[in-house]
PDB file of N, CA and C in Angstrom:
ATOM      1  N   UNK A   1      91.904-120.487 -34.068  1.00  0.00           N
ATOM      2  CA  UNK A   1      91.047-121.043 -33.102  1.00  0.00           C
ATOM      3  C   UNK A   1      90.966-120.212 -31.865  1.00  0.00           C
ATOM      4  N   UNK A   2      89.482-119.848 -31.386  1.00  0.00           N
ATOM      5  CA  UNK A   2      89.232-118.892 -30.608  1.00  0.00           C
ATOM      6  C   UNK A   2      89.411-119.645 -29.411  1.00  0.00           C
ATOM      7  N   UNK A   3      89.967-119.273 -27.925  1.00  0.00           N
ATOM      8  CA  UNK A   3      89.851-119.978 -26.570  1.00  0.00           C
ATOM      9  C   UNK A   3      89.613-118.790 -25.593  1.00  0.00           C
ATOM     10  N   UNK A   4      88.980-119.405 -24.573  1.00  0.00           N
ATOM     11  CA  UNK A   4      88.549-118.448 -23.507  1.00  0.00           C
ATOM     12  C   UNK A   4      89.120-119.309 -22.528  1.00  0.00           C
ATOM     13  N   UNK A   5      90.158-118.504 -21.209  1.00  0.00           N
ATOM     14  CA  UNK A   5      90.734-119.414 -20.447  1.00  0.00           C
ATOM     15  C   UNK A   5      90.185-118.543 -19.098  1.00  0.00           C
ATOM     16  N   UNK A   6      89.505-119.294 -17.981  1.00  0.00           N
ATOM     17  CA  UNK A   6      89.272-118.686 -16.825  1.00  0.00           C
ATOM     18  C   UNK A   6      90.721-118.918 -15.917  1.00  0.00           C
ATOM     19  N   UNK A   7      90.747-117.956 -15.005  1.00  0.00           N
ATOM     20  CA  UNK A   7      91.515-118.271 -13.836  1.00  0.00           C
ATOM     21  C   UNK A   7      91.164-117.422 -12.510  1.00  0.00           C
ATOM     22  N   UNK A   8      92.127-117.605 -11.537  1.00  0.00           N
ATOM     23  CA  UNK A   8      91.771-116.765 -10.441  1.00  0.00           C
ATOM     24  C   UNK A   8      90.662-117.543  -9.343  1.00  0.00           C
ATOM     25  N   UNK A   9      90.317-118.595  -9.567  1.00  0.00           N
ATOM     26  CA  UNK A   9      89.293-119.370  -8.433  1.00  0.00           C
ATOM     27  C   UNK A   9      90.166-119.884  -7.371  1.00  0.00           C
ATOM     28  N   UNK A  10      89.429-120.561  -6.555  1.00  0.00           N
ATOM     29  CA  UNK A  10      89.901-121.157  -5.218  1.00  0.00           C
ATOM     30  C   UNK A  10      89.107-120.820  -4.173  1.00  0.00           C
ATOM     31  N   UNK A  11      89.851-121.173  -2.995  1.00  0.00           N
ATOM     32  CA  UNK A  11      89.048-121.209  -1.795  1.00  0.00           C
ATOM     33  C   UNK A  11      89.375-120.102  -0.860  1.00  0.00           C
ATOM     34  N   UNK A  12      88.308-119.603  -0.463  1.00  0.00           N
ATOM     35  CA  UNK A  12      88.522-118.113   0.200  1.00  0.00           C
ATOM     36  C   UNK A  12      87.233-118.306   1.475  1.00  0.00           C
ATOM     37  N   UNK A  13      87.844-117.456   2.671  1.00  0.00           N
ATOM     38  CA  UNK A  13      86.905-117.473   3.636  1.00  0.00           C
ATOM     39  C   UNK A  13      85.825-116.313   3.373  1.00  0.00           C
ATOM     40  N   UNK A  14      84.723-116.704   4.063  1.00  0.00           N
ATOM     41  CA  UNK A  14      83.499-115.847   3.915  1.00  0.00           C
ATOM     42  C   UNK A  14      84.215-114.040   4.170  1.00  0.00           C
ATOM     43  N   UNK A  15      83.382-113.238   3.541  1.00  0.00           N
ATOM     44  CA  UNK A  15      83.948-111.958   3.737  1.00  0.00           C
ATOM     45  C   UNK A  15      85.283-111.315   3.035  1.00  0.00           C
ATOM     46  N   UNK A  16      85.868-112.637   2.482  1.00  0.00           N
ATOM     47  CA  UNK A  16      87.302-112.278   1.407  1.00  0.00           C
ATOM     48  C   UNK A  16      86.836-111.862   0.168  1.00  0.00           C
ATOM     49  N   UNK A  17      88.168-111.729  -0.792  1.00  0.00           N
ATOM     50  CA  UNK A  17      87.822-111.443  -2.001  1.00  0.00           C
ATOM     51  C   UNK A  17      88.605-112.452  -3.076  1.00  0.00           C
ATOM     52  N   UNK A  18      88.464-112.332  -4.208  1.00  0.00           N
ATOM     53  CA  UNK A  18      89.071-112.930  -5.073  1.00  0.00           C
ATOM     54  C   UNK A  18      88.900-112.166  -6.643  1.00  0.00           C
ATOM     55  N   UNK A  19      89.830-112.545  -7.512  1.00  0.00           N
ATOM     56  CA  UNK A  19      89.268-111.707  -8.703  1.00  0.00           C
ATOM     57  C   UNK A  19      89.768-113.057  -9.629  1.00  0.00           C
ATOM     58  N   UNK A  20      88.849-112.946 -10.313  1.00  0.00           N
ATOM     59  CA  UNK A  20      88.685-114.004 -11.401  1.00  0.00           C
ATOM     60  C   UNK A  20      88.981-113.217 -13.050  1.00  0.00           C
ATOM     61  N   UNK A  21      89.751-113.885 -13.690  1.00  0.00           N
ATOM     62  CA  UNK A  21      90.001-113.407 -14.995  1.00  0.00           C
ATOM     63  C   UNK A  21      89.568-114.370 -16.078  1.00  0.00           C
ATOM     64  N   UNK A  22      89.199-113.564 -17.369  1.00  0.00           N
ATOM     65  CA  UNK A  22      88.704-114.337 -18.546  1.00  0.00           C
ATOM     66  C   UNK A  22      89.519-113.927 -19.636  1.00  0.00           C
ATOM     67  N   UNK A  23      90.366-114.756 -20.080  1.00  0.00           N
ATOM     68  CA  UNK A  23      91.411-114.359 -21.762  1.00  0.00           C
ATOM     69  C   UNK A  23      91.122-114.954 -22.752  1.00  0.00           C
ATOM     70  N   UNK A  24      91.232-114.210 -23.455  1.00  0.00           N
ATOM     71  CA  UNK A  24      90.550-114.773 -24.652  1.00  0.00           C
ATOM     72  C   UNK A  24      92.136-114.922 -25.764  1.00  0.00           C
ATOM     73  N   UNK A  25      92.140-115.984 -26.582  1.00  0.00           N
ATOM     74  CA  UNK A  25      93.242-116.024 -27.469  1.00  0.00           C
ATOM     75  C   UNK A  25      92.941-116.722 -28.781  1.00  0.00           C
ATOM     76  N   UNK A  26      93.955-116.338 -29.608  1.00  0.00           N
ATOM     77  CA  UNK A  26      93.632-116.721 -30.978  1.00  0.00           C
ATOM     78  C   UNK A  26      93.496-115.575 -31.929  1.00  0.00           C
ATOM     79  N   UNK A  27      92.841-116.106 -33.031  1.00  0.00           N
ATOM     80  CA  UNK A  27      92.948-114.441 -34.095  1.00  0.00           C
ATOM     81  C   UNK A  27      91.235-114.366 -34.405  1.00  0.00           C
ATOM     82  N   UNK A  28      90.995-112.954 -33.954  1.00  0.00           N
ATOM     83  CA  UNK A  28      89.735-112.647 -34.096  1.00  0.00           C
ATOM     84  C   UNK A  28      89.746-110.984 -34.318  1.00  0.00           C
ATOM     85  N   UNK A  29      88.516-110.670 -34.735  1.00  0.00           N
ATOM     86  CA  UNK A  29      88.594-109.079 -34.875  1.00  0.00           C
ATOM     87  C   UNK A  29      88.506-108.184 -33.537  1.00  0.00           C
ATOM     88  N   UNK A  30      87.353-108.616 -32.656  1.00  0.00           N
ATOM     89  CA  UNK A  30      87.036-107.794 -31.603  1.00  0.00           C
ATOM     90  C   UNK A  30      86.097-109.177 -30.630  1.00  0.00           C
ATOM     91  N   UNK A  31      86.174-108.353 -29.232  1.00  0.00           N
ATOM     92  CA  UNK A  31      85.282-109.006 -28.425  1.00  0.00           C
ATOM     93  C   UNK A  31      84.240-108.225 -28.258  1.00  0.00           C
ATOM     94  N   UNK A  32      82.890-108.783 -28.193  1.00  0.00           N
ATOM     95  CA  UNK A  32      81.489-107.686 -27.983  1.00  0.00           C
ATOM     96  C   UNK A  32      81.233-108.212 -26.360  1.00  0.00           C
ATOM     97  N   UNK A  33      80.100-108.418 -26.040  1.00  0.00           N
ATOM     98  CA  UNK A  33      79.665-108.531 -24.874  1.00  0.00           C
ATOM     99  C   UNK A  33      80.222-109.763 -24.048  1.00  0.00           C
ATOM    100  N   UNK A  34      80.779-109.545 -22.647  1.00  0.00           N
ATOM    101  CA  UNK A  34      80.866-110.933 -22.173  1.00  0.00           C
ATOM    102  C   UNK A  34      80.216-111.033 -20.599  1.00  0.00           C
ATOM    103  N   UNK A  35      79.942-112.108 -20.583  1.00  0.00           N
ATOM    104  CA  UNK A  35      79.290-112.290 -19.216  1.00  0.00           C
ATOM    105  C   UNK A  35      80.039-113.545 -18.268  1.00  0.00           C
ATOM    106  N   UNK A  36      79.839-113.285 -17.273  1.00  0.00           N
ATOM    107  CA  UNK A  36      80.418-114.157 -15.999  1.00  0.00           C
ATOM    108  C   UNK A  36      79.022-114.931 -15.738  1.00  0.00           C
ATOM    109  N   UNK A  37      79.113-116.143 -15.694  1.00  0.00           N
ATOM    110  CA  UNK A  37      78.073-116.973 -15.177  1.00  0.00           C
ATOM    111  C   UNK A  37      78.631-118.036 -14.274  1.00  0.00           C
ATOM    112  N   UNK A  38      77.873-118.628 -13.356  1.00  0.00           N
ATOM    113  CA  UNK A  38      78.177-119.617 -12.390  1.00  0.00           C
ATOM    114  C   UNK A  38      77.079-120.461 -12.205  1.00  0.00           C
ATOM    115  N   UNK A  39      77.334-121.800 -11.609  1.00  0.00           N
ATOM    116  CA  UNK A  39      76.692-122.961 -11.493  1.00  0.00           C
ATOM    117  C   UNK A  39      77.172-123.774 -10.418  1.00  0.00           C
ATOM    118  N   UNK A  40      76.249-123.737  -9.651  1.00  0.00           N
ATOM    119  CA  UNK A  40      76.411-124.582  -8.010  1.00  0.00           C
ATOM    120  C   UNK A  40      75.897-125.916  -8.315  1.00  0.00           C
ATOM    121  N   UNK A  41      76.164-126.737  -7.719  1.00  0.00           N
ATOM    122  CA  UNK A  41      75.752-128.122  -7.575  1.00  0.00           C
ATOM    123  C   UNK A  41      74.481-128.518  -7.608  1.00  0.00           C
ATOM    124  N   UNK A  42      73.653-129.133  -8.263  1.00  0.00           N
ATOM    125  CA  UNK A  42      71.881-129.081  -8.462  1.00  0.00           C
ATOM    126  C   UNK A  42      71.454-127.814  -8.807  1.00  0.00           C
ATOM    127  N   UNK A  43      72.013-126.735  -9.378  1.00  0.00           N
ATOM    128  CA  UNK A  43      71.337-125.581  -9.671  1.00  0.00           C
ATOM    129  C   UNK A  43      71.796-125.357 -11.314  1.00  0.00           C
ATOM    130  N   UNK A  44      70.727-124.647 -11.699  1.00  0.00           N
ATOM    131  CA  UNK A  44      71.057-123.987 -13.230  1.00  0.00           C
ATOM    132  C   UNK A  44      72.018-123.219 -13.120  1.00  0.00           C
ATOM    133  N   UNK A  45      72.630-122.793 -14.526  1.00  0.00           N
ATOM    134  CA  UNK A  45      73.627-122.062 -14.640  1.00  0.00           C
ATOM    135  C   UNK A  45      72.945-120.719 -14.982  1.00  0.00           C
ATOM    136  N   UNK A  46      73.492-119.563 -13.899  1.00  0.00           N
ATOM    137  CA  UNK A  46      73.039-118.464 -13.783  1.00  0.00           C
ATOM    138  C   UNK A  46      73.904-117.208 -14.251  1.00  0.00           C
ATOM    139  N   UNK A  47      73.405-116.135 -14.938  1.00  0.00           N
ATOM    140  CA  UNK A  47      74.193-114.857 -15.274  1.00  0.00           C
ATOM    141  C   UNK A  47      74.326-114.075 -14.029  1.00  0.00           C
ATOM    142  N   UNK A  48      75.776-113.867 -13.780  1.00  0.00           N
ATOM    143  CA  UNK A  48      76.242-113.243 -12.444  1.00  0.00           C
ATOM    144  C   UNK A  48      76.421-111.735 -12.560  1.00  0.00           C
ATOM    145  N   UNK A  49      77.112-111.639 -14.051  1.00  0.00           N
ATOM    146  CA  UNK A  49      77.399-109.833 -14.200  1.00  0.00           C
ATOM    147  C   UNK A  49      77.660-109.971 -15.962  1.00  0.00           C
ATOM    148  N   UNK A  50      77.373-109.001 -16.364  1.00  0.00           N
ATOM    149  CA  UNK A  50      77.688-108.769 -18.072  1.00  0.00           C
ATOM    150  C   UNK A  50      78.316-107.487 -18.295  1.00  0.00           C
ATOM    151  N   UNK A  51      79.074-107.265 -19.258  1.00  0.00           N
ATOM    152  CA  UNK A  51      79.572-105.892 -19.879  1.00  0.00           C
ATOM    153  C   UNK A  51      79.722-106.069 -21.218  1.00  0.00           C
ATOM    154  N   UNK A  52      79.277-105.037 -21.754  1.00  0.00           N
ATOM    155  CA  UNK A  52      79.263-104.825 -23.271  1.00  0.00           C
ATOM    156  C   UNK A  52      80.499-104.162 -24.037  1.00  0.00           C
ATOM    157  N   UNK A  53      80.667-104.181 -25.337  1.00  0.00           N
ATOM    158  CA  UNK A  53      81.831-103.621 -25.750  1.00  0.00           C
ATOM    159  C   UNK A  53      82.127-102.206 -25.240  1.00  0.00           C
ATOM    160  N   UNK A  54      80.991-101.441 -25.148  1.00  0.00           N
ATOM    161  CA  UNK A  54      81.200-100.057 -24.738  1.00  0.00           C
ATOM    162  C   UNK A  54      81.424 -99.919 -23.182  1.00  0.00           C
ATOM    163  N   UNK A  55      81.410-100.862 -22.294  1.00  0.00           N
ATOM    164  CA  UNK A  55      81.587-100.598 -20.768  1.00  0.00           C
ATOM    165  C   UNK A  55      80.429-100.684 -19.979  1.00  0.00           C
ATOM    166  N   UNK A  56      79.286-100.857 -20.733  1.00  0.00           N
ATOM    167  CA  UNK A  56      78.237-100.788 -19.817  1.00  0.00           C
ATOM    168  C   UNK A  56      78.110-102.125 -19.253  1.00  0.00           C
ATOM    169  N   UNK A  57      77.760-101.980 -17.767  1.00  0.00           N
ATOM    170  CA  UNK A  57      77.470-103.451 -16.881  1.00  0.00           C
ATOM    171  C   UNK A  57      76.284-103.634 -16.398  1.00  0.00           C
ATOM    172  N   UNK A  58      75.866-104.828 -16.045  1.00  0.00           N
ATOM    173  CA  UNK A  58      74.744-105.344 -15.388  1.00  0.00           C
ATOM    174  C   UNK A  58      75.196-106.543 -14.412  1.00  0.00           C
ATOM    175  N   UNK A  59      74.227-106.457 -13.291  1.00  0.00           N
ATOM    176  CA  UNK A  59      74.653-107.755 -12.237  1.00  0.00           C
ATOM    177  C   UNK A  59      73.493-108.204 -11.705  1.00  0.00           C
ATOM    178  N   UNK A  60      73.411-109.495 -11.400  1.00  0.00           N
ATOM    179  CA  UNK A  60      72.415-110.202 -10.868  1.00  0.00           C
ATOM    180  C   UNK A  60      72.236-109.357  -9.394  1.00  0.00           C
ATOM    181  N   UNK A  61      70.785-109.473  -9.077  1.00  0.00           N
ATOM    182  CA  UNK A  61      70.828-108.723  -7.751  1.00  0.00           C
ATOM    183  C   UNK A  61      71.766-109.130  -6.365  1.00  0.00           C
ATOM    184  N   UNK A  62      72.009-110.701  -6.625  1.00  0.00           N
ATOM    185  CA  UNK A  62      72.485-111.455  -5.361  1.00  0.00           C
ATOM    186  C   UNK A  62      73.755-110.770  -5.181  1.00  0.00           C
ATOM    187  N   UNK A  63      74.377-110.042  -6.519  1.00  0.00           N
ATOM    188  CA  UNK A  63      75.797-109.613  -6.022  1.00  0.00           C
ATOM    189  C   UNK A  63      76.000-108.344  -6.326  1.00  0.00           C
ATOM    190  N   UNK A  64      74.923-107.477  -6.521  1.00  0.00           N
ATOM    191  CA  UNK A  64      75.311-105.960  -6.576  1.00  0.00           C
ATOM    192  C   UNK A  64      75.872-105.330  -5.536  1.00  0.00           C
ATOM    193  N   UNK A  65      76.771-104.686  -5.831  1.00  0.00           N
ATOM    194  CA  UNK A  65      77.303-103.969  -4.709  1.00  0.00           C
ATOM    195  C   UNK A  65      78.738-104.753  -4.052  1.00  0.00           C
ATOM    196  N   UNK A  66      78.658-105.814  -4.424  1.00  0.00           N
ATOM    197  CA  UNK A  66      79.908-106.846  -4.008  1.00  0.00           C
ATOM    198  C   UNK A  66      80.858-107.134  -4.969  1.00  0.00           C
ATOM    199  N   UNK A  67      80.355-107.438  -6.472  1.00  0.00           N
ATOM    200  CA  UNK A  67      81.065-108.037  -7.604  1.00  0.00           C
ATOM    201  C   UNK A  67      81.259-106.885  -8.498  1.00  0.00           C
ATOM    202  N   UNK A  68      82.288-106.653  -9.112  1.00  0.00           N
ATOM    203  CA  UNK A  68      82.440-105.785 -10.333  1.00  0.00           C
ATOM    204  C   UNK A  68      83.055-106.198 -11.471  1.00  0.00           C
ATOM    205  N   UNK A  69      82.404-106.229 -12.557  1.00  0.00           N
ATOM    206  CA  UNK A  69      83.086-106.576 -13.791  1.00  0.00           C
ATOM    207  C   UNK A  69      83.969-105.630 -14.682  1.00  0.00           C
ATOM    208  N   UNK A  70      84.651-105.804 -15.328  1.00  0.00           N
ATOM    209  CA  UNK A  70      85.662-104.893 -16.146  1.00  0.00           C
ATOM    210  C   UNK A  70      86.453-105.564 -17.226  1.00  0.00           C
ATOM    211  N   UNK A  71      86.883-104.735 -18.082  1.00  0.00           N
ATOM    212  CA  UNK A  71      87.539-105.143 -19.102  1.00  0.00           C
ATOM    213  C   UNK A  71      88.594-104.412 -19.157  1.00  0.00           C
ATOM    214  N   UNK A  72      89.629-105.253 -19.904  1.00  0.00           N
ATOM    215  CA  UNK A  72      90.861-104.574 -20.697  1.00  0.00           C
ATOM    216  C   UNK A  72      91.186-104.890 -21.948  1.00  0.00           C
ATOM    217  N   UNK A  73      90.523-104.362 -22.936  1.00  0.00           N
ATOM    218  CA  UNK A  73      90.715-104.621 -24.252  1.00  0.00           C
ATOM    219  C   UNK A  73      92.080-104.752 -25.005  1.00  0.00           C
ATOM    220  N   UNK A  74      92.873-104.004 -24.392  1.00  0.00           N
ATOM    221  CA  UNK A  74      94.445-104.164 -24.741  1.00  0.00           C
ATOM    222  C   UNK A  74      94.879-105.821 -24.560  1.00  0.00           C
ATOM    223  N   UNK A  75      94.370-106.287 -23.304  1.00  0.00           N
ATOM    224  CA  UNK A  75      94.778-107.648 -23.168  1.00  0.00           C
ATOM    225  C   UNK A  75      93.810-108.718 -23.397  1.00  0.00           C
ATOM    226  N   UNK A  76      92.671-108.083 -24.254  1.00  0.00           N
ATOM    227  CA  UNK A  76      91.636-109.372 -24.431  1.00  0.00           C
ATOM    228  C   UNK A  76      91.189-110.058 -23.315  1.00  0.00           C
ATOM    229  N   UNK A  77      91.105-109.237 -22.164  1.00  0.00           N
ATOM    230  CA  UNK A  77      90.552-109.790 -20.763  1.00  0.00           C
ATOM    231  C   UNK A  77      89.462-109.420 -19.811  1.00  0.00           C
ATOM    232  N   UNK A  78      88.638-110.060 -19.373  1.00  0.00           N
ATOM    233  CA  UNK A  78      87.590-109.612 -18.541  1.00  0.00           C
ATOM    234  C   UNK A  78      87.816-110.175 -17.170  1.00  0.00           C
ATOM    235  N   UNK A  79      87.320-109.187 -16.212  1.00  0.00           N
ATOM    236  CA  UNK A  79      87.572-109.575 -14.756  1.00  0.00           C
ATOM    237  C   UNK A  79      86.424-109.502 -14.233  1.00  0.00           C
ATOM    238  N   UNK A  80      86.456-110.321 -13.045  1.00  0.00           N
ATOM    239  CA  UNK A  80      85.347-110.505 -12.032  1.00  0.00           C
ATOM    240  C   UNK A  80      85.846-110.326 -10.536  1.00  0.00           C
ATOM    241  N   UNK A  81      85.794-109.056 -10.036  1.00  0.00           N
ATOM    242  CA  UNK A  81      86.278-108.697  -8.539  1.00  0.00           C
ATOM    243  C   UNK A  81      85.226-108.947  -7.933  1.00  0.00           C
ATOM    244  N   UNK A  82      85.587-110.026  -6.929  1.00  0.00           N
ATOM    245  CA  UNK A  82      84.630-110.510  -5.978  1.00  0.00           C
ATOM    246  C   UNK A  82      84.916-110.217  -4.578  1.00  0.00           C
ATOM    247  N   UNK A  83      84.096-109.385  -4.123  1.00  0.00           N
ATOM    248  CA  UNK A  83      84.206-108.768  -2.601  1.00  0.00           C
ATOM    249  C   UNK A  83      83.114-109.171  -1.528  1.00  0.00           C
ATOM    250  N   UNK A  84      83.666-109.274  -0.098  1.00  0.00           N
ATOM    251  CA  UNK A  84      82.708-109.811   0.505  1.00  0.00           C
ATOM    252  C   UNK A  84      81.564-110.782   0.219  1.00  0.00           C
ATOM    253  N   UNK A  85      82.727-112.080  -0.005  1.00  0.00           N
ATOM    254  CA  UNK A  85      81.954-112.931  -0.554  1.00  0.00           C
ATOM    255  C   UNK A  85      81.233-113.885   0.422  1.00  0.00           C
ATOM    256  N   UNK A  86      80.320-114.629   0.178  1.00  0.00           N
ATOM    257  CA  UNK A  86      79.496-115.399   0.877  1.00  0.00           C
ATOM    258  C   UNK A  86      79.642-117.012   0.505  1.00  0.00           C
ATOM    259  N   UNK A  87      79.323-117.794   1.299  1.00  0.00           N
ATOM    260  CA  UNK A  87      79.271-119.344   1.112  1.00  0.00           C
ATOM    261  C   UNK A  87      78.119-119.607  -0.038  1.00  0.00           C
ATOM    262  N   UNK A  88      77.139-118.726  -0.216  1.00  0.00           N
ATOM    263  CA  UNK A  88      76.258-119.229  -1.358  1.00  0.00           C
ATOM    264  C   UNK A  88      76.908-118.676  -2.707  1.00  0.00           C
ATOM    265  N   UNK A  89      78.035-117.920  -2.781  1.00  0.00           N
ATOM    266  CA  UNK A  89      78.696-117.770  -3.928  1.00  0.00           C
ATOM    267  C   UNK A  89      79.401-118.944  -4.405  1.00  0.00           C
ATOM    268  N   UNK A  90      79.419-119.909  -3.544  1.00  0.00           N
ATOM    269  CA  UNK A  90      80.379-121.074  -3.867  1.00  0.00           C
ATOM    270  C   UNK A  90      79.811-121.714  -5.227  1.00  0.00           C
ATOM    271  N   UNK A  91      80.447-121.866  -6.392  1.00  0.00           N
ATOM    272  CA  UNK A  91      79.928-122.264  -7.799  1.00  0.00           C
ATOM    273  C   UNK A  91      81.375-122.666  -8.458  1.00  0.00           C
ATOM    274  N   UNK A  92      81.056-123.227  -9.923  1.00  0.00           N
ATOM    275  CA  UNK A  92      82.113-123.014 -11.023  1.00  0.00           C
ATOM    276  C   UNK A  92      81.580-121.853 -11.627  1.00  0.00           C
ATOM    277  N   UNK A  93      82.484-120.975 -11.905  1.00  0.00           N
ATOM    278  CA  UNK A  93      82.181-119.676 -12.542  1.00  0.00           C
ATOM    279  C   UNK A  93      82.864-119.843 -14.069  1.00  0.00           C
ATOM    280  N   UNK A  94      82.194-119.240 -15.152  1.00  0.00           N
ATOM    281  CA  UNK A  94      82.354-119.774 -16.260  1.00  0.00           C
ATOM    282  C   UNK A  94      82.386-118.052 -17.009  1.00  0.00           C
ATOM    283  N   UNK A  95      83.052-117.802 -18.007  1.00  0.00           N
ATOM    284  CA  UNK A  95      82.843-116.514 -18.784  1.00  0.00           C
ATOM    285  C   UNK A  95      82.355-117.016 -20.303  1.00  0.00           C
ATOM    286  N   UNK A  96      81.472-116.116 -20.644  1.00  0.00           N
ATOM    287  CA  UNK A  96      80.989-116.459 -22.185  1.00  0.00           C
ATOM    288  C   UNK A  96      81.076-115.180 -22.910  1.00  0.00           C
ATOM    289  N   UNK A  97      81.795-115.025 -23.960  1.00  0.00           N
ATOM    290  CA  UNK A  97      81.994-113.921 -24.841  1.00  0.00           C
ATOM    291  C   UNK A  97      81.561-114.159 -26.299  1.00  0.00           C
ATOM    292  N   UNK A  98      80.920-113.063 -26.829  1.00  0.00           N
ATOM    293  CA  UNK A  98      80.512-113.212 -28.183  1.00  0.00           C
ATOM    294  C   UNK A  98      81.761-112.643 -29.012  1.00  0.00           C
ATOM    295  N   UNK A  99      82.473-113.248 -29.699  1.00  0.00           N
ATOM    296  CA  UNK A  99      83.401-112.858 -30.453  1.00  0.00           C
ATOM    297  C   UNK A  99      83.331-112.577 -31.994  1.00  0.00           C
ATOM    298  N   UNK A 100      83.787-111.223 -32.659  1.00  0.00           N
ATOM    299  CA  UNK A 100      83.766-111.339 -34.090  1.00  0.00           C
ATOM    300  C   UNK A 100      85.092-111.845 -34.833  1.00  0.00           C
ATOM    301  N   UNK A 101      84.595-112.934 -35.266  1.00  0.00           N
ATOM    302  CA  UNK A 101      85.862-113.525 -35.979  1.00  0.00           C
ATOM    303  C   UNK A 101      86.518-113.196 -37.010  1.00  0.00           C
ATOM    304  N   UNK A 102      87.314-113.764 -37.834  1.00  0.00           N
ATOM    305  CA  UNK A 102      87.964-113.044 -39.014  1.00  0.00           C
ATOM    306  C   UNK A 102      87.191-113.009 -40.083  1.00  0.00           C
ATOM    307  N   UNK A 103      86.022-113.685 -40.139  1.00  0.00           N
ATOM    308  CA  UNK A 103      85.162-113.992 -41.334  1.00  0.00           C
ATOM    309  C   UNK A 103      84.031-113.013 -41.017  1.00  0.00           C
ATOM    310  N   UNK A 104      83.892-112.202 -39.926  1.00  0.00           N
ATOM    311  CA  UNK A 104      82.936-111.265 -39.552  1.00  0.00           C
ATOM    312  C   UNK A 104      81.969-111.902 -39.331  1.00  0.00           C
ATOM    313  N   UNK A 105      81.847-112.950 -38.486  1.00  0.00           N
ATOM    314  CA  UNK A 105      80.708-113.700 -38.138  1.00  0.00           C
ATOM    315  C   UNK A 105      81.091-113.563 -36.373  1.00  0.00           C
ATOM    316  N   UNK A 106      80.019-113.541 -35.772  1.00  0.00           N
ATOM    317  CA  UNK A 106      79.957-113.436 -34.054  1.00  0.00           C
ATOM    318  C   UNK A 106      79.468-114.817 -33.758  1.00  0.00           C
ATOM    319  N   UNK A 107      80.372-115.247 -32.622  1.00  0.00           N
ATOM    320  CA  UNK A 107      80.215-116.466 -32.389  1.00  0.00           C
ATOM    321  C   UNK A 107      80.246-116.563 -30.716  1.00  0.00           C
ATOM    322  N   UNK A 108      79.721-117.227 -30.013  1.00  0.00           N
ATOM    323  CA  UNK A 108      79.542-117.156 -28.689  1.00  0.00           C
ATOM    324  C   UNK A 108      80.499-118.440 -27.983  1.00  0.00           C
ATOM    325  N   UNK A 109      81.520-118.203 -27.509  1.00  0.00           N
ATOM    326  CA  UNK A 109      82.388-119.085 -26.719  1.00  0.00           C
ATOM    327  C   UNK A 109      82.150-119.413 -25.287  1.00  0.00           C
ATOM    328  N   UNK A 110      82.690-120.191 -24.936  1.00  0.00           N
ATOM    329  CA  UNK A 110      82.383-120.433 -23.273  1.00  0.00           C
ATOM    330  C   UNK A 110      83.736-121.147 -22.902  1.00  0.00           C
ATOM    331  N   UNK A 111      84.290-120.535 -21.617  1.00  0.00           N
ATOM    332  CA  UNK A 111      85.452-121.089 -21.097  1.00  0.00           C
ATOM    333  C   UNK A 111      85.309-122.543 -20.427  1.00  0.00           C
ATOM    334  N   UNK A 112      86.467-123.002 -19.648  1.00  0.00           N
ATOM    335  CA  UNK A 112      86.068-124.242 -19.274  1.00  0.00           C
ATOM    336  C   UNK A 112      85.642-124.414 -17.710  1.00  0.00           C
ATOM    337  N   UNK A 113      85.872-123.220 -17.070  1.00  0.00           N
ATOM    338  CA  UNK A 113      85.578-122.575 -15.805  1.00  0.00           C
ATOM    339  C   UNK A 113      86.290-122.900 -14.907  1.00  0.00           C
ATOM    340  N   UNK A 114      85.981-122.051 -13.834  1.00  0.00           N
ATOM    341  CA  UNK A 114      86.950-122.170 -12.426  1.00  0.00           C
ATOM    342  C   UNK A 114      86.222-122.278 -11.195  1.00  0.00           C
ATOM    343  N   UNK A 115      86.379-122.790 -10.550  1.00  0.00           N
ATOM    344  CA  UNK A 115      85.753-123.327  -9.278  1.00  0.00           C
ATOM    345  C   UNK A 115      85.903-122.246  -7.996  1.00  0.00           C
ATOM    346  N   UNK A 116      85.050-121.744  -7.319  1.00  0.00           N
ATOM    347  CA  UNK A 116      85.083-120.893  -6.419  1.00  0.00           C
ATOM    348  C   UNK A 116      84.400-121.521  -5.283  1.00  0.00           C
ATOM    349  N   UNK A 117      85.285-121.562  -4.039  1.00  0.00           N
ATOM    350  CA  UNK A 117      84.639-122.206  -2.819  1.00  0.00           C
ATOM    351  C   UNK A 117      84.968-121.271  -1.636  1.00  0.00           C
ATOM    352  N   UNK A 118      83.668-120.925  -1.095  1.00  0.00           N
ATOM    353  CA  UNK A 118      83.724-119.919  -0.021  1.00  0.00           C
ATOM    354  C   UNK A 118      83.448-120.703   1.035  1.00  0.00           C
ATOM    355  N   UNK A 119      84.269-120.704   2.077  1.00  0.00           N
ATOM    356  CA  UNK A 119      83.871-121.357   3.426  1.00  0.00           C
ATOM    357  C   UNK A 119      83.526-120.420   4.584  1.00  0.00           C
ATOM    358  N   UNK A 120      82.645-121.021   5.350  1.00  0.00           N
ATOM    359  CA  UNK A 120      82.129-119.882   6.551  1.00  0.00           C
ATOM    360  C   UNK A 120      82.975-119.947   7.903  1.00  0.00           C
TER     361      UNK A 120
END
C-alpha cells in the first residue's frame, strides 16, 4: 500500500519561511511527477508547484521567486521551501504524486494535507 505523508506545516509570521515535506512509503517502482497543491477556505484547490521525475519544475505565478520545489529520490521525498510567506499563502497544502506500482501501473496518490497559517 502506497502512502503519502506531508509534514512541516504550522503557524508562521508574514515574511518568514517554512519547509514542507512529502514522503512516500510502501512498495513501488518509482515516483514520477509530483505536485504541491493548496486549498484555502472557500476556494478551489490550486496547483502551487510541480516537479517531474527528471527535475523540471513549474510554479504558480503567485509563488514564483518565493517557493522552491525539490526532490530527494533516495528518500522518496519531495520538498516545498516556502520563503517570504504572505497571509494569502494560508491554506491546507497537499502533495500529489504519480507513482509506478509493482504491477507497472501508474496511479495518482494524495496526502492528507498539512495546514499552513501565515499571520500578518
